[in-house]
Amino acid sequence: MREATGSYRLIDLTGGRDLTPPRSSDRIMDLADRLRRLAPSSRDPERFHEEKSEIVHALRIIAREVAHG
């Protein structure tokens, strides 16, 4: 017999994709991976700064969510 848990997964019935919003910890780990790979490129120097700004923005959103519960 399986034990009941408090979390549920939302699945897109047409495409089978998981629609459950990712947890803050998962989102932070994804951002850490993006930071690890972040490096300037001679082919597209602006992309480095765009990616950096996107990561900062995402971290601020997560911080706000955590602060407000």
N, C-alpha and C. Protein backbone atom coordinates (compact mmCIF):
# COMPACT_ATOMS: atom_id res chain seq x y z
N MET A 1 0.84 -1.18 0.00
CA MET A 1 0.00 0.00 0.00
C MET A 1 0.88 1.25 0.00
N ARG A 2 0.59 2.17 -0.90
CA ARG A 2 1.38 3.39 -0.97
C ARG A 2 0.93 4.39 0.07
N GLU A 3 1.91 5.14 0.58
CA GLU A 3 1.62 6.17 1.55
C GLU A 3 1.18 7.44 0.82
N ALA A 4 0.18 8.10 1.31
CA ALA A 4 -0.30 9.33 0.69
C ALA A 4 0.71 10.45 0.95
N THR A 5 0.88 11.29 -0.06
CA THR A 5 1.77 12.45 0.10
C THR A 5 0.97 13.71 -0.12
N GLY A 6 1.55 14.82 0.29
CA GLY A 6 0.87 16.10 0.19
C GLY A 6 1.11 16.82 -1.12
N SER A 7 1.90 16.24 -2.02
CA SER A 7 2.16 16.94 -3.28
C SER A 7 1.53 16.17 -4.44
N TYR A 8 1.10 16.90 -5.41
CA TYR A 8 0.49 16.32 -6.59
C TYR A 8 1.18 16.86 -7.82
N ARG A 9 1.20 16.09 -8.86
CA ARG A 9 1.80 16.52 -10.12
C ARG A 9 0.68 16.81 -11.10
N LEU A 10 0.81 17.91 -11.82
CA LEU A 10 -0.14 18.25 -12.86
C LEU A 10 0.46 17.79 -14.18
N ILE A 11 -0.28 16.99 -14.92
CA ILE A 11 0.22 16.47 -16.18
C ILE A 11 -0.66 16.98 -17.32
N ASP A 12 -0.02 17.49 -18.35
CA ASP A 12 -0.72 17.92 -19.56
C ASP A 12 -1.21 16.66 -20.27
N LEU A 13 -2.51 16.49 -20.35
CA LEU A 13 -3.07 15.25 -20.90
C LEU A 13 -2.88 15.15 -22.41
N THR A 14 -2.66 16.27 -23.08
CA THR A 14 -2.48 16.20 -24.53
C THR A 14 -1.03 15.93 -24.92
N GLY A 15 -0.08 16.46 -24.13
CA GLY A 15 1.33 16.30 -24.48
C GLY A 15 2.12 15.48 -23.48
N GLY A 16 1.53 15.17 -22.34
CA GLY A 16 2.22 14.37 -21.33
C GLY A 16 3.28 15.13 -20.56
N ARG A 17 3.33 16.45 -20.71
CA ARG A 17 4.34 17.24 -19.99
C ARG A 17 3.90 17.47 -18.56
N ASP A 18 4.88 17.54 -17.68
CA ASP A 18 4.63 17.83 -16.27
C ASP A 18 4.39 19.32 -16.13
N LEU A 19 3.21 19.73 -15.66
CA LEU A 19 2.86 21.14 -15.51
C LEU A 19 2.99 21.62 -14.06
N THR A 20 3.49 20.75 -13.17
CA THR A 20 3.66 21.13 -11.79
C THR A 20 4.74 22.20 -11.70
N PRO A 21 4.46 23.33 -11.05
CA PRO A 21 5.49 24.37 -10.96
C PRO A 21 6.72 23.83 -10.22
N PRO A 22 7.91 24.15 -10.71
CA PRO A 22 9.11 23.66 -10.03
C PRO A 22 9.27 24.31 -8.65
N ARG A 23 9.84 23.56 -7.72
CA ARG A 23 10.09 24.09 -6.38
C ARG A 23 11.20 25.12 -6.44
N SER A 24 11.23 26.01 -5.46
CA SER A 24 12.27 27.04 -5.41
C SER A 24 13.66 26.41 -5.41
N SER A 25 13.83 25.32 -4.68
CA SER A 25 15.15 24.68 -4.62
C SER A 25 15.57 24.17 -6.00
N ASP A 26 14.63 23.63 -6.77
CA ASP A 26 14.95 23.16 -8.13
C ASP A 26 15.32 24.34 -9.03
N ARG A 27 14.57 25.42 -8.89
CA ARG A 27 14.85 26.60 -9.71
C ARG A 27 16.22 27.18 -9.38
N ILE A 28 16.58 27.20 -8.09
CA ILE A 28 17.89 27.72 -7.69
C ILE A 28 19.00 26.82 -8.23
N MET A 29 18.80 25.51 -8.20
CA MET A 29 19.81 24.59 -8.74
C MET A 29 19.98 24.82 -10.25
N ASP A 30 18.89 25.04 -10.96
CA ASP A 30 18.96 25.33 -12.40
C ASP A 30 19.74 26.62 -12.65
N LEU A 31 19.48 27.62 -11.83
CA LEU A 31 20.21 28.89 -11.97
C LEU A 31 21.69 28.71 -11.66
N ALA A 32 22.01 27.89 -10.67
CA ALA A 32 23.41 27.62 -10.35
C ALA A 32 24.11 26.95 -11.53
N ASP A 33 23.42 26.04 -12.20
CA ASP A 33 23.99 25.39 -13.39
C ASP A 33 24.22 26.41 -14.50
N ARG A 34 23.27 27.31 -14.68
CA ARG A 34 23.44 28.35 -15.70
C ARG A 34 24.63 29.25 -15.36
N LEU A 35 24.80 29.58 -14.08
CA LEU A 35 25.94 30.40 -13.67
C LEU A 35 27.27 29.68 -13.92
N ARG A 36 27.29 28.38 -13.65
CA ARG A 36 28.50 27.60 -13.86
C ARG A 36 28.92 27.63 -15.32
N ARG A 37 27.95 27.61 -16.23
CA ARG A 37 28.25 27.60 -17.67
C ARG A 37 28.45 29.00 -18.25
N LEU A 38 28.10 30.02 -17.49
CA LEU A 38 28.14 31.39 -18.00
C LEU A 38 29.59 31.82 -18.29
N ALA A 39 29.81 32.26 -19.50
CA ALA A 39 31.14 32.74 -19.90
C ALA A 39 30.98 33.70 -21.07
N PRO A 40 31.84 34.70 -21.14
CA PRO A 40 31.78 35.62 -22.28
C PRO A 40 32.08 34.89 -23.58
N SER A 41 31.49 35.38 -24.65
CA SER A 41 31.70 34.79 -25.97
C SER A 41 32.18 35.87 -26.93
N SER A 42 33.20 35.55 -27.70
CA SER A 42 33.69 36.53 -28.68
C SER A 42 32.69 36.70 -29.83
N ARG A 43 31.88 35.66 -30.09
CA ARG A 43 30.89 35.74 -31.17
C ARG A 43 29.69 36.59 -30.80
N ASP A 44 29.32 36.57 -29.50
CA ASP A 44 28.13 37.31 -29.05
C ASP A 44 28.41 37.89 -27.66
N PRO A 45 29.22 38.95 -27.58
CA PRO A 45 29.60 39.49 -26.27
C PRO A 45 28.43 39.99 -25.43
N GLU A 46 27.37 40.47 -26.07
CA GLU A 46 26.22 40.97 -25.33
C GLU A 46 25.45 39.85 -24.63
N ARG A 47 25.51 38.65 -25.17
CA ARG A 47 24.75 37.53 -24.61
C ARG A 47 25.15 37.26 -23.17
N PHE A 48 26.42 37.42 -22.85
CA PHE A 48 26.90 37.21 -21.47
C PHE A 48 26.13 38.13 -20.52
N HIS A 49 26.04 39.39 -20.86
CA HIS A 49 25.37 40.35 -19.98
C HIS A 49 23.86 40.13 -19.94
N GLU A 50 23.28 39.71 -21.05
CA GLU A 50 21.85 39.39 -21.06
C GLU A 50 21.55 38.20 -20.16
N GLU A 51 22.36 37.16 -20.28
CA GLU A 51 22.16 35.95 -19.46
C GLU A 51 22.35 36.28 -17.98
N LYS A 52 23.37 37.08 -17.68
CA LYS A 52 23.62 37.47 -16.30
C LYS A 52 22.42 38.23 -15.74
N SER A 53 21.87 39.15 -16.51
CA SER A 53 20.70 39.91 -16.07
C SER A 53 19.48 39.02 -15.87
N GLU A 54 19.30 38.03 -16.74
CA GLU A 54 18.17 37.09 -16.60
C GLU A 54 18.31 36.27 -15.33
N ILE A 55 19.52 35.84 -15.02
CA ILE A 55 19.75 35.05 -13.81
C ILE A 55 19.49 35.89 -12.56
N VAL A 56 19.98 37.13 -12.55
CA VAL A 56 19.74 38.03 -11.42
C VAL A 56 18.24 38.25 -11.23
N HIS A 57 17.54 38.48 -12.32
CA HIS A 57 16.09 38.69 -12.26
C HIS A 57 15.39 37.46 -11.67
N ALA A 58 15.74 36.29 -12.15
CA ALA A 58 15.12 35.05 -11.65
C ALA A 58 15.41 34.85 -10.16
N LEU A 59 16.63 35.15 -9.73
CA LEU A 59 16.96 35.02 -8.31
C LEU A 59 16.15 35.99 -7.45
N ARG A 60 15.95 37.19 -7.95
CA ARG A 60 15.16 38.16 -7.19
C ARG A 60 13.70 37.74 -7.08
N ILE A 61 13.17 37.14 -8.13
CA ILE A 61 11.80 36.63 -8.08
C ILE A 61 11.67 35.54 -7.02
N ILE A 62 12.62 34.62 -7.02
CA ILE A 62 12.60 33.53 -6.03
C ILE A 62 12.73 34.09 -4.62
N ALA A 63 13.62 35.06 -4.44
CA ALA A 63 13.80 35.67 -3.11
C ALA A 63 12.50 36.32 -2.63
N ARG A 64 11.80 37.01 -3.52
CA ARG A 64 10.52 37.63 -3.17
C ARG A 64 9.48 36.58 -2.78
N GLU A 65 9.44 35.50 -3.56
CA GLU A 65 8.48 34.42 -3.26
C GLU A 65 8.74 33.80 -1.90
N VAL A 66 10.01 33.56 -1.60
CA VAL A 66 10.37 32.95 -0.32
C VAL A 66 10.07 33.91 0.83
N ALA A 67 10.35 35.19 0.61
CA ALA A 67 10.11 36.19 1.67
C ALA A 67 8.63 36.35 1.99
N HIS A 68 7.79 36.19 0.98
CA HIS A 68 6.35 36.38 1.18
C HIS A 68 5.58 35.09 1.36
N GLY A 69 6.29 33.99 1.43
CA GLY A 69 5.66 32.69 1.66
C GLY A 69 4.99 32.22 0.49
